[in-house]
Amino acid sequence: MIPVLILMTAGIITGWIFHKKTIFLQSISKLTNWAIYLLLFLLGLAVGANEQILNSFHKIGYLSIAITLFAVAGSIFTAWITYHLFFKKKGERNER
């Protein structure tokens, strides 16, 4: 955990030093995207090499579909409630 904190602190300090250099920030943005792609590839590689995950993939798939559907439905409902409570004008609330 200490190496993670040290690296994070070093990144914050480096970002603070170079925060006005647009070329640096653009390079870092591209590097971050490629790092994420690499991590996703390595995650897929680890999943593909794990027999236990592959054998129970159909169960995991159904569960992930259910979680996704409920998460999307909950997000839509929460956004609708938030819109009606905080962003819709008082006169608009009674029109429907």
Protein backbone atom coordinates (compact mmCIF):
# COMPACT_ATOMS: atom_id res chain seq x y z
CA MET A 1 0.00 0.00 0.00
CA ILE A 2 2.89 2.35 0.72
CA PRO A 3 4.26 2.13 -2.87
CA VAL A 4 0.80 2.99 -4.20
CA LEU A 5 0.59 6.07 -1.99
CA ILE A 6 4.12 7.14 -2.92
CA LEU A 7 3.39 6.77 -6.65
CA MET A 8 0.10 8.63 -6.30
CA THR A 9 1.78 11.47 -4.41
CA ALA A 10 4.56 11.65 -7.01
CA GLY A 11 1.93 11.82 -9.75
CA ILE A 12 0.06 14.61 -7.99
CA ILE A 13 3.25 16.62 -7.51
CA THR A 14 4.31 16.07 -11.13
CA GLY A 15 0.85 17.05 -12.37
CA TRP A 16 0.92 20.18 -10.23
CA ILE A 17 4.33 21.17 -11.59
CA PHE A 18 3.38 20.65 -15.25
CA HIS A 19 -0.32 21.60 -15.11
CA LYS A 20 0.10 24.53 -17.54
CA LYS A 21 1.93 22.53 -20.22
CA THR A 22 -0.81 21.57 -22.72
CA ILE A 23 1.42 19.26 -24.76
CA PHE A 24 2.35 17.40 -21.57
CA LEU A 25 -1.29 17.08 -20.56
CA GLN A 26 -2.29 15.81 -24.02
CA SER A 27 0.49 13.23 -23.92
CA ILE A 28 -0.54 12.11 -20.45
CA SER A 29 -4.15 11.80 -21.59
CA LYS A 30 -3.16 9.52 -24.48
CA LEU A 31 -0.85 7.52 -22.23
CA THR A 32 -3.64 7.10 -19.68
CA ASN A 33 -6.00 5.79 -22.36
CA TRP A 34 -3.43 3.25 -23.56
CA ALA A 35 -2.72 2.18 -19.99
CA ILE A 36 -6.44 1.52 -19.49
CA TYR A 37 -6.57 -0.48 -22.74
CA LEU A 38 -3.59 -2.53 -21.58
CA LEU A 39 -5.17 -3.17 -18.18
CA LEU A 40 -8.44 -4.28 -19.83
CA PHE A 41 -6.52 -6.62 -22.12
CA LEU A 42 -4.62 -8.12 -19.18
CA LEU A 43 -7.87 -8.52 -17.24
CA GLY A 44 -9.39 -10.37 -20.20
CA LEU A 45 -6.29 -12.53 -20.43
CA ALA A 46 -6.54 -13.42 -16.74
CA VAL A 47 -10.25 -14.25 -17.08
CA GLY A 48 -9.62 -16.36 -20.17
CA ALA A 49 -6.89 -18.33 -18.40
CA ASN A 50 -8.99 -19.02 -15.28
CA GLU A 51 -10.77 -22.41 -15.60
CA GLN A 52 -13.09 -21.74 -12.67
CA ILE A 53 -14.43 -18.55 -14.25
CA LEU A 54 -14.78 -20.18 -17.67
CA ASN A 55 -16.70 -23.14 -16.23
CA SER A 56 -19.19 -20.88 -14.45
CA PHE A 57 -19.36 -18.27 -17.21
CA HIS A 58 -23.02 -18.91 -17.98
CA LYS A 59 -23.99 -18.24 -14.34
CA ILE A 60 -21.82 -15.12 -14.22
CA GLY A 61 -23.31 -13.93 -17.51
CA TYR A 62 -26.91 -14.14 -16.29
CA LEU A 63 -26.03 -12.41 -13.06
CA SER A 64 -24.14 -9.63 -14.83
CA ILE A 65 -27.10 -9.03 -17.18
CA ALA A 66 -29.47 -8.80 -14.21
CA ILE A 67 -27.15 -6.43 -12.33
CA THR A 68 -26.74 -4.27 -15.44
CA LEU A 69 -30.48 -4.02 -16.07
CA PHE A 70 -31.25 -3.12 -12.46
CA ALA A 71 -28.39 -0.59 -12.37
CA VAL A 72 -29.62 1.12 -15.53
CA ALA A 73 -33.23 1.14 -14.30
CA GLY A 74 -32.13 2.55 -10.95
CA SER A 75 -30.03 5.24 -12.63
CA ILE A 76 -32.91 6.28 -14.88
CA PHE A 77 -35.31 6.39 -11.94
CA THR A 78 -32.87 8.38 -9.80
CA ALA A 79 -32.23 10.85 -12.65
CA TRP A 80 -35.99 11.27 -13.17
CA ILE A 81 -36.57 11.93 -9.45
CA THR A 82 -33.62 14.35 -9.31
CA TYR A 83 -34.88 16.23 -12.36
CA HIS A 84 -38.38 16.59 -10.95
CA LEU A 85 -37.22 17.60 -7.49
CA PHE A 86 -34.41 20.00 -8.33
CA PHE A 87 -34.44 21.11 -11.96
CA LYS A 88 -38.04 21.32 -13.12
CA LYS A 89 -39.62 24.73 -12.59
CA LYS A 90 -42.66 24.98 -10.33
CA GLY A 91 -45.04 25.87 -13.16
CA GLU A 92 -43.87 22.91 -15.23
CA ARG A 93 -44.59 20.40 -12.45
CA ASN A 94 -48.36 20.83 -12.68
CA GLU A 95 -48.63 20.63 -16.48
CA ARG A 96 -48.62 16.83 -16.64
